[in-house]
Protein backbone atom coordinates (compact mmCIF):
# COMPACT_ATOMS: atom_id res chain seq x y z
CA MET A 1 -92.86 -1.85 -49.69
CA LYS A 2 -89.94 -2.86 -51.76
CA SER A 3 -89.14 -6.54 -51.97
CA LEU A 4 -85.71 -7.77 -51.27
CA GLU A 5 -84.14 -8.96 -54.45
CA PRO A 6 -81.63 -11.71 -54.41
CA CYS A 7 -78.27 -11.09 -55.95
CA MET A 8 -78.60 -12.57 -59.35
CA SER A 9 -76.60 -12.34 -62.52
CA PRO A 10 -78.28 -9.21 -63.93
CA ARG A 11 -76.51 -7.19 -61.20
CA PRO A 12 -73.23 -9.02 -60.59
CA ALA A 13 -71.27 -5.91 -59.68
CA ARG A 14 -73.62 -5.02 -56.84
CA CYS A 15 -73.55 -8.58 -55.52
CA MET A 16 -69.79 -8.74 -55.71
CA LEU A 17 -69.54 -5.45 -53.86
CA ALA A 18 -71.89 -6.69 -51.17
CA PHE A 19 -69.98 -9.92 -50.66
CA THR A 20 -66.67 -8.07 -50.70
CA SER A 21 -67.85 -5.56 -48.11
CA ALA A 22 -69.21 -8.30 -45.87
CA ALA A 23 -66.03 -10.33 -46.15
CA ALA A 24 -63.89 -7.30 -45.44
CA ALA A 25 -65.97 -6.45 -42.41
CA ALA A 26 -65.66 -10.01 -41.15
CA LEU A 27 -61.90 -9.95 -41.69
CA ILE A 28 -61.59 -6.62 -39.91
CA ILE A 29 -63.60 -7.88 -36.95
CA THR A 30 -61.64 -11.13 -36.83
CA GLY A 31 -58.34 -9.30 -37.26
CA CYS A 32 -59.12 -6.86 -34.47
CA ALA A 33 -59.99 -9.69 -32.13
CA GLY A 34 -56.77 -11.51 -33.06
CA LEU A 35 -54.62 -8.42 -32.55
CA LYS A 36 -56.33 -7.77 -29.25
CA ASP A 37 -55.53 -11.31 -28.11
CA GLN A 38 -51.93 -10.94 -29.30
CA TYR A 39 -51.49 -7.64 -27.47
CA ALA A 40 -52.92 -9.17 -24.30
CA ALA A 41 -50.62 -12.16 -24.56
CA SER A 42 -47.65 -9.89 -25.26
CA ALA A 43 -48.50 -7.70 -22.27
CA ASP A 44 -48.78 -10.75 -20.03
CA ALA A 45 -45.42 -12.02 -21.25
CA GLN A 46 -43.81 -8.65 -20.65
CA GLN A 47 -45.24 -8.52 -17.15
CA ARG A 48 -43.93 -11.99 -16.42
CA MET A 49 -40.50 -11.09 -17.78
CA ALA A 50 -40.45 -7.89 -15.73
CA ALA A 51 -41.42 -9.80 -12.59
CA GLU A 52 -38.73 -12.41 -13.22
CA ALA A 53 -36.14 -9.71 -13.87
CA ALA A 54 -37.10 -7.94 -10.66
CA ALA A 55 -36.82 -11.19 -8.73
CA ASP A 56 -33.40 -11.91 -10.27
CA THR A 57 -32.24 -8.39 -9.45
CA LYS A 58 -33.41 -8.72 -5.87
CA ALA A 59 -31.74 -12.10 -5.48
CA GLY A 60 -28.55 -10.81 -7.04
CA ALA A 61 -28.55 -7.73 -4.84
CA SER A 62 -28.64 -9.92 -1.75
CA VAL A 63 -25.27 -11.37 -2.78
CA ASP A 64 -23.65 -8.88 -5.09
CA THR A 65 -23.47 -5.85 -2.80
CA GLN A 66 -20.64 -3.89 -1.27
CA ALA A 67 -21.48 -5.09 2.24
CA THR A 68 -21.56 -8.73 1.16
CA TYR A 69 -18.29 -8.40 -0.74
CA LEU A 70 -16.67 -6.89 2.35
CA LYS A 71 -17.87 -9.86 4.38
CA LEU A 72 -16.27 -12.21 1.86
CA VAL A 73 -12.99 -10.29 2.09
CA ASP A 74 -13.14 -10.41 5.89
CA GLN A 75 -13.70 -14.16 5.75
CA MET A 76 -10.73 -14.61 3.41
CA GLN A 77 -8.54 -12.68 5.82
CA LYS A 78 -9.72 -14.81 8.73
CA GLU A 79 -8.45 -17.77 6.71
CA ASP A 80 -5.07 -16.03 6.20
CA LEU A 81 -5.67 -15.51 2.47
CA TRP A 82 -4.06 -12.09 2.72
CA PHE A 83 -2.58 -11.92 -0.78
CA ALA A 84 -5.82 -13.00 -2.43
CA SER A 85 -7.79 -10.53 -0.33
CA LEU A 86 -5.73 -7.66 -1.76
CA ALA A 87 -6.83 -8.64 -5.28
CA HIS A 88 -10.47 -8.68 -4.21
CA ILE A 89 -10.14 -5.34 -2.42
CA ASP A 90 -8.92 -3.88 -5.72
CA ALA A 91 -12.00 -5.31 -7.46
CA LEU A 92 -14.31 -4.09 -4.70
CA GLU A 93 -12.97 -0.53 -4.83
CA GLN A 94 -13.11 -0.45 -8.63
CA ARG A 95 -16.81 -1.22 -8.45
CA TRP A 96 -17.97 0.72 -5.39
CA GLY A 97 -15.14 3.13 -4.68
CA VAL A 98 -12.89 3.53 -1.66
CA SER A 99 -14.57 3.43 1.76
CA PRO A 100 -13.29 3.31 5.35
CA GLU A 101 -14.21 -0.39 5.45
CA SER A 102 -12.23 -1.22 2.31
CA THR A 103 -9.31 0.88 3.57
CA ARG A 104 -9.31 -1.09 6.83
CA THR A 105 -9.18 -4.44 5.05
CA ARG A 106 -6.45 -3.15 2.73
CA ALA A 107 -4.35 -1.88 5.64
CA GLU A 108 -4.64 -5.23 7.42
CA ALA A 109 -3.68 -7.16 4.29
CA LEU A 110 -0.71 -4.89 3.61
CA ARG A 111 0.56 -5.32 7.16
CA GLN A 112 0.12 -9.08 7.10
CA THR A 113 1.96 -9.36 3.77
CA GLY A 114 4.97 -7.43 5.07
CA GLN A 115 4.26 -4.08 3.39
CA ALA A 116 4.71 -1.85 6.41
CA ALA A 117 4.99 1.56 4.71
CA PRO A 118 1.77 1.38 2.63
CA ALA A 119 0.02 -0.28 5.58
CA GLU A 120 0.95 2.65 7.82
CA ALA A 121 -0.34 5.12 5.23
CA ALA A 122 -3.63 3.21 4.99
CA TYR A 123 -4.06 3.08 8.77
CA LYS A 124 -3.47 6.84 9.00
CA ARG A 125 -6.26 7.43 6.48
CA LEU A 126 -8.64 5.81 8.97
CA LEU A 127 -7.92 8.24 11.79
CA GLY A 128 -10.51 10.79 10.72
CA THR A 129 -13.22 8.20 10.06
CA PRO A 130 -15.63 6.14 12.18
CA LEU A 131 -12.98 3.38 12.01
CA ALA A 132 -10.32 5.45 13.77
CA SER A 133 -9.93 2.73 16.41
CA ALA A 134 -8.80 0.26 13.73
CA GLY A 135 -6.36 2.87 12.47
CA TYR A 136 -4.77 3.43 15.87
CA ARG A 137 -4.65 -0.29 16.56
CA GLY A 138 -2.91 -1.00 13.27
CA LEU A 139 -0.37 1.75 13.88
CA GLY A 140 0.23 0.33 17.35
CA LEU A 141 0.84 -3.14 15.93
CA LEU A 142 3.32 -1.71 13.44
CA ALA A 143 5.12 0.13 16.25
CA GLY A 144 5.32 -3.12 18.21
CA THR A 145 6.76 -4.91 15.19
CA ARG A 146 9.53 -2.29 15.12
CA GLY A 147 10.17 -2.94 18.82
CA ASN A 148 8.90 0.48 19.88
CA TYR A 149 6.57 -0.74 22.62
CA ALA A 150 6.20 2.61 24.39
CA GLU A 151 4.78 4.10 21.19
CA ALA A 152 2.68 0.98 20.67
CA VAL A 153 1.12 1.43 24.12
CA GLN A 154 0.14 5.03 23.38
CA LEU A 155 -1.42 4.15 20.03
CA LEU A 156 -3.25 1.11 21.38
CA MET A 157 -4.62 3.18 24.26
CA GLN A 158 -6.02 5.62 21.69
CA ALA A 159 -7.76 2.68 20.02
CA GLN A 160 -9.00 1.29 23.35
CA ARG A 161 -10.64 4.60 24.28
CA ARG A 162 -12.76 4.32 21.13
CA THR A 163 -13.62 0.62 21.41
CA PRO A 164 -13.26 -0.28 25.10
CA THR A 165 -14.80 -3.76 24.83
CA ASP A 166 -12.61 -5.12 22.02
CA ALA A 167 -11.03 -8.15 23.71
CA LEU A 168 -8.27 -8.70 21.17
CA LEU A 169 -7.32 -5.04 21.29
CA LEU A 170 -7.12 -5.25 25.09
CA SER A 171 -4.88 -8.30 24.77
CA ASP A 172 -2.60 -6.42 22.37
CA LEU A 173 -2.47 -3.47 24.76
CA GLY A 174 -1.63 -5.67 27.74
CA TYR A 175 1.19 -7.39 25.87
CA ALA A 176 2.62 -4.06 24.69
CA GLN A 177 2.54 -2.80 28.28
CA LEU A 178 4.41 -5.90 29.44
CA ARG A 179 7.09 -5.31 26.85
CA ALA A 180 7.25 -1.60 27.67
CA GLY A 181 7.93 -2.44 31.33
CA GLN A 182 4.47 -1.38 32.51
CA ILE A 183 3.89 -4.65 34.34
CA GLU A 184 1.19 -3.60 36.79
CA GLU A 185 -0.69 -1.63 34.14
CA ALA A 186 -0.82 -4.74 31.95
CA ARG A 187 -2.89 -6.72 34.46
CA LEU A 188 -6.18 -4.89 33.89
CA PRO A 189 -6.43 -5.12 30.07
CA LEU A 190 -5.19 -8.73 30.10
CA MET A 191 -7.82 -9.77 32.65
CA GLN A 192 -10.50 -7.88 30.73
CA ALA A 193 -9.47 -9.55 27.47
CA LEU A 194 -9.72 -13.05 28.90
CA GLN A 195 -13.09 -12.46 30.55
CA LEU A 196 -14.49 -10.86 27.39
CA ARG A 197 -13.11 -13.63 25.16
CA PRO A 198 -12.34 -16.69 27.29
CA ASP A 199 -12.00 -18.78 24.12
CA SER A 200 -9.20 -16.62 22.67
CA THR A 201 -5.90 -18.50 22.70
CA GLN A 202 -4.09 -15.17 22.36
CA ALA A 203 -5.76 -13.74 25.48
CA GLN A 204 -5.02 -16.96 27.38
CA ALA A 205 -1.34 -16.97 26.41
CA ASN A 206 -0.82 -13.28 27.13
CA LEU A 207 -2.34 -13.57 30.61
CA ALA A 208 -0.25 -16.67 31.27
CA LEU A 209 2.80 -14.66 30.24
CA TYR A 210 1.86 -11.91 32.71
CA LEU A 211 1.50 -14.47 35.51
CA GLU A 212 4.89 -15.99 34.67
CA VAL A 213 6.59 -12.58 34.52
CA THR A 214 5.15 -11.63 37.93
CA ASN A 215 6.29 -14.98 39.43
CA GLN A 216 2.75 -16.31 39.84
CA ARG A 217 3.76 -19.61 38.31
CA ASP A 218 1.16 -21.78 40.01
CA GLN A 219 -1.61 -19.56 38.67
CA ALA A 220 0.02 -19.57 35.23
CA THR A 221 0.18 -23.37 35.24
CA ALA A 222 -3.44 -23.62 36.39
CA LEU A 223 -4.52 -21.28 33.59
CA MET A 224 -2.63 -23.28 30.97
CA ASP A 225 -3.99 -26.56 32.34
CA ALA A 226 -7.56 -25.27 32.35
CA ASN A 227 -7.25 -24.23 28.71
CA ARG A 228 -5.37 -27.39 27.67
CA MET A 229 -2.48 -25.50 26.15
CA SER A 230 -0.03 -27.61 24.19
CA GLU A 231 3.44 -28.24 25.56
CA ALA A 232 4.93 -26.15 22.77
CA THR A 233 2.78 -23.17 23.79
CA ARG A 234 3.73 -23.58 27.45
CA MET A 235 7.41 -23.65 26.56
CA ALA A 236 7.06 -20.53 24.43
CA VAL A 237 5.29 -18.65 27.24
CA ARG A 238 7.84 -19.68 29.87
CA GLU A 239 10.84 -18.94 27.69
CA ALA A 240 9.47 -15.50 26.83
CA ALA A 241 8.82 -14.77 30.51
CA LEU A 242 12.31 -15.95 31.47
CA GLN A 243 13.96 -13.64 28.99
CA MET A 244 11.69 -10.72 29.90
CA ARG A 245 12.66 -11.12 33.57
CA ALA A 246 16.35 -10.98 32.67
CA PRO A 247 18.18 -7.62 32.96
CA GLY A 248 17.23 -5.55 29.94
CA GLY A 249 14.91 -8.31 28.80
CA LEU A 250 11.86 -6.09 28.47
CA ALA A 251 13.57 -3.66 26.11
CA ALA A 252 15.44 -6.28 24.13
CA PRO A 253 13.80 -8.54 21.56
CA VAL A 254 12.67 -11.81 23.08
CA ALA A 255 14.39 -14.68 21.30
CA ALA A 256 12.39 -17.89 21.52
CA THR A 257 11.52 -20.94 19.52
CA ALA A 258 8.60 -19.23 17.77
CA ALA A 259 9.64 -16.44 15.42
CA SER A 260 6.60 -14.35 16.33
CA ILE A 261 7.77 -14.04 19.95
CA ARG A 262 10.79 -12.07 18.75
CA GLY A 263 8.51 -9.34 17.45
CA GLU A 264 9.18 -10.43 13.88
CA PRO A 265 6.70 -11.66 11.28
CA ILE A 266 6.67 -15.41 10.81
CA VAL A 267 8.27 -16.29 7.47
CA THR A 268 7.35 -19.75 6.23
CA PRO A 269 7.35 -21.32 2.77
CA LEU A 270 4.46 -20.21 0.62
CA ALA A 271 2.25 -22.64 -1.22
CA LEU A 272 -0.45 -22.23 -3.81
CA LYS A 273 -3.76 -23.30 -2.37
CA PRO A 274 -7.07 -23.49 -4.27
CA SER A 275 -9.23 -20.61 -3.22
CA ARG A 276 -12.79 -21.06 -1.98
CA TRP A 277 -13.64 -17.73 -3.58
CA ALA A 278 -13.25 -18.67 -7.26
CA GLY A 279 -16.70 -17.29 -8.00
CA VAL A 280 -15.86 -13.81 -6.74
CA GLY A 281 -13.85 -11.80 -9.21
CA GLY A 282 -12.41 -14.87 -10.91
CA MET A 283 -9.57 -15.48 -8.43
CA ARG A 284 -8.80 -19.19 -8.58
CA THR A 285 -5.68 -19.55 -6.43
CA ALA A 286 -4.39 -17.77 -3.36
CA ILE A 287 -0.97 -17.66 -1.72
CA GLN A 288 -1.19 -18.81 1.86
CA THR A 289 1.27 -19.92 4.51
CA ASN A 290 1.49 -23.66 5.00
CA PRO A 291 -0.73 -24.81 7.88
CA PRO A 292 0.84 -26.90 10.66
CA ALA A 293 0.78 -30.64 10.20
CA SER A 294 -1.37 -31.08 13.30
CA ASN A 295 -2.92 -29.04 16.06
CA ALA A 296 -0.33 -30.38 18.46
CA GLU A 297 2.41 -28.69 16.42
CA ALA A 298 0.66 -25.32 16.27
CA THR A 299 2.08 -22.84 18.78
CA PHE A 300 0.17 -19.84 20.03
CA SER A 301 2.70 -17.14 20.74
CA PRO A 302 2.04 -14.85 23.68
CA ASN A 303 3.18 -12.04 21.43
CA SER A 304 0.09 -10.58 19.81
CA ILE A 305 1.86 -7.55 18.39
CA PRO A 306 3.25 -8.80 15.05
CA ARG A 307 0.25 -10.79 13.88
CA GLY A 308 -2.55 -8.94 15.60
CA THR A 309 -5.90 -10.70 15.71
CA PRO A 310 -5.43 -14.48 16.08
């Protein structure tokens, strides 16, 4: 049996080689373990980053989607920010393309900003879509603005056949029938509108107008009392009814204190108002009509044709 000889000076090369090999092996083992730990840490970090990115994407998608953007545009239009909404509709369509929903909002904004010709073209593009009712309604409102109430009735009836429970559409139809001389026909849609939307000031005023025109003044007064209509609104309703009862009054424009009763768009000074939608598309100001100084000064015209949805 051979004895193990220590590494001594007579064989320095062999000893050096042995130590070098052992050290290298140790370094390799240590290095492999270190790299393994680094790879594991890197993989964990990547997984965390991927999870965070997925969460951010999901959170962003809940806000930054076509449907959500359309809701924002609808809300702006409810607040009468019609000019600003047109800018956001441009941004929406640049990102997601043109859709029936974006066309509807564009048509409404064009009509409300006095651009009748492009509004009419936009409404007509809706006729072959699931939003055909909105197209017919918009065309009916434009016809009413021109004073062509017989045409308005036909178009609004087309819309009503497609969406029979739309209270504001029924109110528009009833008013157009009143102005077209179809007094008895107006009763049904006006009653339906008020029962479907008893809180609608437009439906209340239009039914009160019908009652005044048909000489049911006690019922008209009771309706206005029950809904606490302002004196200005009552005067507008009664003046419109008086002129509609006059010879030729149904066909002629109704001149009254409120410009909207004449079938004309209300033109008031424009003011720059800070927009609530600064974070959407970078729009920081919006042109909007000046609001009334108080609720008591605000008049609700019985004419729902020029302005459409209240």
